[in-house]
């Protein structure tokens, strides 16, 4: 029996810093450290975080939380 993947967790490292991304089925709201992406400051960080959505299209992320 095939199991459905309910969520994905990935991480990346640079020097001593570690970034973790956790994706699961949801309503399309993207959060960074618990904050909606629209409230992330400075704006350049918001744009950098939003890059995958812009490249793949918002439809691909419609059910991601």
PDB file of N, CA and C in Angstrom:
ATOM      1  N   UNK A   1       0.840  -1.185   0.000  1.00  0.00           N
ATOM      2  CA  UNK A   1       0.000   0.000   0.000  1.00  0.00           C
ATOM      3  C   UNK A   1       0.884   1.247   0.000  1.00  0.00           C
ATOM      4  N   UNK A   2       0.596   2.154  -0.916  1.00  0.00           N
ATOM      5  CA  UNK A   2       1.379   3.377  -1.014  1.00  0.00           C
ATOM      6  C   UNK A   2       0.933   4.383   0.029  1.00  0.00           C
ATOM      7  N   UNK A   3       1.904   4.995   0.708  1.00  0.00           N
ATOM      8  CA  UNK A   3       1.586   6.032   1.680  1.00  0.00           C
ATOM      9  C   UNK A   3       1.662   7.403   1.041  1.00  0.00           C
ATOM     10  N   UNK A   4       0.729   8.264   1.377  1.00  0.00           N
ATOM     11  CA  UNK A   4       0.734   9.630   0.876  1.00  0.00           C
ATOM     12  C   UNK A   4       1.673  10.473   1.720  1.00  0.00           C
ATOM     13  N   UNK A   5       2.429  11.321   1.084  1.00  0.00           N
ATOM     14  CA  UNK A   5       3.301  12.232   1.816  1.00  0.00           C
ATOM     15  C   UNK A   5       2.444  13.396   2.300  1.00  0.00           C
ATOM     16  N   UNK A   6       2.366  13.567   3.604  1.00  0.00           N
ATOM     17  CA  UNK A   6       1.542  14.624   4.193  1.00  0.00           C
ATOM     18  C   UNK A   6       2.309  15.932   4.351  1.00  0.00           C
ATOM     19  N   UNK A   7       3.631  15.844   4.570  1.00  0.00           N
ATOM     20  CA  UNK A   7       4.420  17.055   4.754  1.00  0.00           C
ATOM     21  C   UNK A   7       5.863  16.796   4.343  1.00  0.00           C
ATOM     22  N   UNK A   8       6.583  17.891   4.098  1.00  0.00           N
ATOM     23  CA  UNK A   8       7.985  17.820   3.704  1.00  0.00           C
ATOM     24  C   UNK A   8       8.756  18.837   4.527  1.00  0.00           C
ATOM     25  N   UNK A   9       9.910  18.419   5.040  1.00  0.00           N
ATOM     26  CA  UNK A   9      10.774  19.332   5.781  1.00  0.00           C
ATOM     27  C   UNK A   9      12.157  19.271   5.149  1.00  0.00           C
ATOM     28  N   UNK A  10      12.692  20.430   4.769  1.00  0.00           N
ATOM     29  CA  UNK A  10      14.020  20.507   4.170  1.00  0.00           C
ATOM     30  C   UNK A  10      14.832  21.555   4.914  1.00  0.00           C
ATOM     31  N   UNK A  11      16.154  21.453   4.806  1.00  0.00           N
ATOM     32  CA  UNK A  11      16.989  22.448   5.460  1.00  0.00           C
ATOM     33  C   UNK A  11      18.191  22.765   4.592  1.00  0.00           C
ATOM     34  N   UNK A  12      18.757  23.929   4.840  1.00  0.00           N
ATOM     35  CA  UNK A  12      19.962  24.359   4.154  1.00  0.00           C
ATOM     36  C   UNK A  12      20.887  25.022   5.149  1.00  0.00           C
ATOM     37  N   UNK A  13      22.185  24.912   4.902  1.00  0.00           N
ATOM     38  CA  UNK A  13      23.160  25.494   5.823  1.00  0.00           C
ATOM     39  C   UNK A  13      24.132  26.384   5.068  1.00  0.00           C
ATOM     40  N   UNK A  14      24.562  27.432   5.747  1.00  0.00           N
ATOM     41  CA  UNK A  14      25.600  28.310   5.242  1.00  0.00           C
ATOM     42  C   UNK A  14      26.367  28.810   6.446  1.00  0.00           C
ATOM     43  N   UNK A  15      27.636  28.520   6.487  1.00  0.00           N
ATOM     44  CA  UNK A  15      28.488  28.827   7.643  1.00  0.00           C
ATOM     45  C   UNK A  15      27.867  28.201   8.885  1.00  0.00           C
ATOM     46  N   UNK A  16      27.486  28.996   9.872  1.00  0.00           N
ATOM     47  CA  UNK A  16      26.909  28.449  11.102  1.00  0.00           C
ATOM     48  C   UNK A  16      25.389  28.549  11.149  1.00  0.00           C
ATOM     49  N   UNK A  17      24.787  29.118  10.112  1.00  0.00           N
ATOM     50  CA  UNK A  17      23.329  29.306  10.105  1.00  0.00           C
ATOM     51  C   UNK A  17      22.634  28.113   9.448  1.00  0.00           C
ATOM     52  N   UNK A  18      21.454  27.798   9.941  1.00  0.00           N
ATOM     53  CA  UNK A  18      20.635  26.733   9.366  1.00  0.00           C
ATOM     54  C   UNK A  18      19.232  27.267   9.118  1.00  0.00           C
ATOM     55  N   UNK A  19      18.735  27.066   7.911  1.00  0.00           N
ATOM     56  CA  UNK A  19      17.367  27.462   7.565  1.00  0.00           C
ATOM     57  C   UNK A  19      16.538  26.198   7.372  1.00  0.00           C
ATOM     58  N   UNK A  20      15.333  26.195   7.919  1.00  0.00           N
ATOM     59  CA  UNK A  20      14.449  25.036   7.817  1.00  0.00           C
ATOM     60  C   UNK A  20      13.142  25.463   7.159  1.00  0.00           C
ATOM     61  N   UNK A  21      12.709  24.700   6.156  1.00  0.00           N
ATOM     62  CA  UNK A  21      11.418  24.945   5.507  1.00  0.00           C
ATOM     63  C   UNK A  21      10.528  23.732   5.753  1.00  0.00           C
ATOM     64  N   UNK A  22       9.315  23.975   6.196  1.00  0.00           N
ATOM     65  CA  UNK A  22       8.355  22.913   6.490  1.00  0.00           C
ATOM     66  C   UNK A  22       7.093  23.202   5.695  1.00  0.00           C
ATOM     67  N   UNK A  23       6.727  22.304   4.795  1.00  0.00           N
ATOM     68  CA  UNK A  23       5.556  22.497   3.942  1.00  0.00           C
ATOM     69  C   UNK A  23       4.555  21.383   4.179  1.00  0.00           C
ATOM     70  N   UNK A  24       3.288  21.778   4.265  1.00  0.00           N
ATOM     71  CA  UNK A  24       2.215  20.793   4.388  1.00  0.00           C
ATOM     72  C   UNK A  24       0.977  21.341   3.699  1.00  0.00           C
ATOM     73  N   UNK A  25       0.020  20.466   3.462  1.00  0.00           N
ATOM     74  CA  UNK A  25      -1.208  20.869   2.794  1.00  0.00           C
ATOM     75  C   UNK A  25      -1.929  21.904   3.652  1.00  0.00           C
ATOM     76  N   UNK A  26      -2.409  22.964   3.008  1.00  0.00           N
ATOM     77  CA  UNK A  26      -3.075  24.028   3.753  1.00  0.00           C
ATOM     78  C   UNK A  26      -3.886  24.922   2.841  1.00  0.00           C
ATOM     79  N   UNK A  27      -3.913  26.216   3.166  1.00  0.00           N
ATOM     80  CA  UNK A  27      -4.750  27.157   2.429  1.00  0.00           C
ATOM     81  C   UNK A  27      -3.958  28.131   1.564  1.00  0.00           C
ATOM     82  N   UNK A  28      -2.659  27.916   1.385  1.00  0.00           N
ATOM     83  CA  UNK A  28      -1.845  28.767   0.532  1.00  0.00           C
ATOM     84  C   UNK A  28      -1.191  29.926   1.248  1.00  0.00           C
ATOM     85  N   UNK A  29      -1.324  30.014   2.567  1.00  0.00           N
ATOM     86  CA  UNK A  29      -0.706  31.086   3.347  1.00  0.00           C
ATOM     87  C   UNK A  29       0.742  30.722   3.622  1.00  0.00           C
ATOM     88  N   UNK A  30       1.663  31.601   3.235  1.00  0.00           N
ATOM     89  CA  UNK A  30       3.087  31.360   3.450  1.00  0.00           C
ATOM     90  C   UNK A  30       3.532  32.177   4.653  1.00  0.00           C
ATOM     91  N   UNK A  31       4.207  31.515   5.597  1.00  0.00           N
ATOM     92  CA  UNK A  31       4.678  32.184   6.808  1.00  0.00           C
ATOM     93  C   UNK A  31       6.185  32.016   6.940  1.00  0.00           C
ATOM     94  N   UNK A  32       6.832  33.035   7.501  1.00  0.00           N
ATOM     95  CA  UNK A  32       8.256  33.001   7.813  1.00  0.00           C
ATOM     96  C   UNK A  32       8.378  33.241   9.307  1.00  0.00           C
ATOM     97  N   UNK A  33       8.875  32.263  10.042  1.00  0.00           N
ATOM     98  CA  UNK A  33       8.968  32.340  11.504  1.00  0.00           C
ATOM     99  C   UNK A  33       7.621  32.689  12.131  1.00  0.00           C
ATOM    100  N   UNK A  34       6.551  32.141  11.584  1.00  0.00           N
ATOM    101  CA  UNK A  34       5.215  32.357  12.132  1.00  0.00           C
ATOM    102  C   UNK A  34       4.543  33.642  11.684  1.00  0.00           C
ATOM    103  N   UNK A  35       5.215  34.441  10.878  1.00  0.00           N
ATOM    104  CA  UNK A  35       4.683  35.722  10.400  1.00  0.00           C
ATOM    105  C   UNK A  35       4.281  35.592   8.929  1.00  0.00           C
ATOM    106  N   UNK A  36       3.092  36.078   8.549  1.00  0.00           N
ATOM    107  CA  UNK A  36       2.704  36.041   7.136  1.00  0.00           C
ATOM    108  C   UNK A  36       3.749  36.743   6.263  1.00  0.00           C
ATOM    109  N   UNK A  37       3.972  36.208   5.075  1.00  0.00           N
ATOM    110  CA  UNK A  37       5.027  36.727   4.197  1.00  0.00           C
ATOM    111  C   UNK A  37       4.819  38.206   3.858  1.00  0.00           C
ATOM    112  N   UNK A  38       3.578  38.668   3.864  1.00  0.00           N
ATOM    113  CA  UNK A  38       3.299  40.069   3.542  1.00  0.00           C
ATOM    114  C   UNK A  38       3.879  41.031   4.582  1.00  0.00           C
ATOM    115  N   UNK A  39       4.150  40.548   5.795  1.00  0.00           N
ATOM    116  CA  UNK A  39       4.650  41.402   6.873  1.00  0.00           C
ATOM    117  C   UNK A  39       6.160  41.300   7.083  1.00  0.00           C
ATOM    118  N   UNK A  40       6.847  40.493   6.272  1.00  0.00           N
ATOM    119  CA  UNK A  40       8.295  40.323   6.421  1.00  0.00           C
ATOM    120  C   UNK A  40       9.003  41.595   5.985  1.00  0.00           C
ATOM    121  N   UNK A  41       9.924  42.068   6.801  1.00  0.00           N
ATOM    122  CA  UNK A  41      10.725  43.256   6.501  1.00  0.00           C
ATOM    123  C   UNK A  41      12.190  42.901   6.631  1.00  0.00           C
ATOM    124  N   UNK A  42      13.088  43.489   5.901  1.00  0.00           N
ATOM    125  CA  UNK A  42      12.922  44.427   4.805  1.00  0.00           C
ATOM    126  C   UNK A  42      12.330  43.748   3.562  1.00  0.00           C
ATOM    127  N   UNK A  43      11.911  44.556   2.635  1.00  0.00           N
ATOM    128  CA  UNK A  43      11.212  44.058   1.452  1.00  0.00           C
ATOM    129  C   UNK A  43      12.063  43.085   0.639  1.00  0.00           C
ATOM    130  N   UNK A  44      13.378  43.290   0.593  1.00  0.00           N
ATOM    131  CA  UNK A  44      14.241  42.401  -0.197  1.00  0.00           C
ATOM    132  C   UNK A  44      14.174  40.961   0.318  1.00  0.00           C
ATOM    133  N   UNK A  45      14.008  40.779   1.633  1.00  0.00           N
ATOM    134  CA  UNK A  45      13.859  39.433   2.186  1.00  0.00           C
ATOM    135  C   UNK A  45      12.529  38.821   1.771  1.00  0.00           C
ATOM    136  N   UNK A  46      11.495  39.642   1.705  1.00  0.00           N
ATOM    137  CA  UNK A  46      10.181  39.174   1.267  1.00  0.00           C
ATOM    138  C   UNK A  46      10.248  38.706  -0.188  1.00  0.00           C
ATOM    139  N   UNK A  47      10.907  39.490  -1.025  1.00  0.00           N
ATOM    140  CA  UNK A  47      11.029  39.142  -2.441  1.00  0.00           C
ATOM    141  C   UNK A  47      11.836  37.852  -2.596  1.00  0.00           C
ATOM    142  N   UNK A  48      12.930  37.721  -1.852  1.00  0.00           N
ATOM    143  CA  UNK A  48      13.775  36.528  -1.924  1.00  0.00           C
ATOM    144  C   UNK A  48      13.013  35.283  -1.472  1.00  0.00           C
ATOM    145  N   UNK A  49      12.205  35.421  -0.425  1.00  0.00           N
ATOM    146  CA  UNK A  49      11.413  34.304   0.080  1.00  0.00           C
ATOM    147  C   UNK A  49      10.325  33.918  -0.915  1.00  0.00           C
ATOM    148  N   UNK A  50       9.782  34.886  -1.611  1.00  0.00           N
ATOM    149  CA  UNK A  50       8.672  34.669  -2.537  1.00  0.00           C
ATOM    150  C   UNK A  50       9.128  34.146  -3.906  1.00  0.00           C
ATOM    151  N   UNK A  51      10.452  34.103  -4.166  1.00  0.00           N
ATOM    152  CA  UNK A  51      10.979  33.698  -5.468  1.00  0.00           C
ATOM    153  C   UNK A  51      10.456  32.352  -5.975  1.00  0.00           C
ATOM    154  N   UNK A  52      10.456  31.279  -5.167  1.00  0.00           N
ATOM    155  CA  UNK A  52       9.949  30.000  -5.688  1.00  0.00           C
ATOM    156  C   UNK A  52       8.498  30.078  -6.155  1.00  0.00           C
ATOM    157  N   UNK A  53       7.696  30.864  -5.461  1.00  0.00           N
ATOM    158  CA  UNK A  53       6.291  31.017  -5.840  1.00  0.00           C
ATOM    159  C   UNK A  53       6.196  31.734  -7.180  1.00  0.00           C
ATOM    160  N   UNK A  54       7.011  32.747  -7.366  1.00  0.00           N
ATOM    161  CA  UNK A  54       6.995  33.494  -8.621  1.00  0.00           C
ATOM    162  C   UNK A  54       7.498  32.636  -9.783  1.00  0.00           C
ATOM    163  N   UNK A  55       8.505  31.807  -9.531  1.00  0.00           N
ATOM    164  CA  UNK A  55       9.059  30.964 -10.590  1.00  0.00           C
ATOM    165  C   UNK A  55       8.104  29.845 -11.001  1.00  0.00           C
ATOM    166  N   UNK A  56       7.483  29.189 -10.038  1.00  0.00           N
ATOM    167  CA  UNK A  56       6.616  28.046 -10.331  1.00  0.00           C
ATOM    168  C   UNK A  56       5.167  28.422 -10.567  1.00  0.00           C
ATOM    169  N   UNK A  57       4.765  29.589 -10.104  1.00  0.00           N
ATOM    170  CA  UNK A  57       3.384  30.024 -10.254  1.00  0.00           C
ATOM    171  C   UNK A  57       2.578  29.792  -8.993  1.00  0.00           C
ATOM    172  N   UNK A  58       1.659  30.692  -8.714  1.00  0.00           N
ATOM    173  CA  UNK A  58       0.868  30.619  -7.491  1.00  0.00           C
ATOM    174  C   UNK A  58      -0.038  29.402  -7.456  1.00  0.00           C
ATOM    175  N   UNK A  59      -0.445  28.891  -8.608  1.00  0.00           N
ATOM    176  CA  UNK A  59      -1.319  27.717  -8.640  1.00  0.00           C
ATOM    177  C   UNK A  59      -0.649  26.502  -8.000  1.00  0.00           C
ATOM    178  N   UNK A  60       0.665  26.364  -8.173  1.00  0.00           N
ATOM    179  CA  UNK A  60       1.394  25.227  -7.592  1.00  0.00           C
ATOM    180  C   UNK A  60       1.415  25.294  -6.070  1.00  0.00           C
ATOM    181  N   UNK A  61       1.250  26.487  -5.495  1.00  0.00           N
ATOM    182  CA  UNK A  61       1.320  26.675  -4.053  1.00  0.00           C
ATOM    183  C   UNK A  61      -0.045  26.931  -3.421  1.00  0.00           C
ATOM    184  N   UNK A  62      -1.113  26.726  -4.166  1.00  0.00           N
ATOM    185  CA  UNK A  62      -2.458  27.035  -3.677  1.00  0.00           C
ATOM    186  C   UNK A  62      -2.836  26.222  -2.448  1.00  0.00           C
ATOM    187  N   UNK A  63      -2.356  24.988  -2.324  1.00  0.00           N
ATOM    188  CA  UNK A  63      -2.725  24.133  -1.196  1.00  0.00           C
ATOM    189  C   UNK A  63      -1.596  23.943  -0.193  1.00  0.00           C
ATOM    190  N   UNK A  64      -0.603  24.814  -0.210  1.00  0.00           N
ATOM    191  CA  UNK A  64       0.539  24.700   0.704  1.00  0.00           C
ATOM    192  C   UNK A  64       0.321  25.588   1.911  1.00  0.00           C
ATOM    193  N   UNK A  65       0.730  25.082   3.070  1.00  0.00           N
ATOM    194  CA  UNK A  65       0.638  25.893   4.278  1.00  0.00           C
ATOM    195  C   UNK A  65       1.994  25.948   4.922  1.00  0.00           C
TER     196      UNK A  65
END
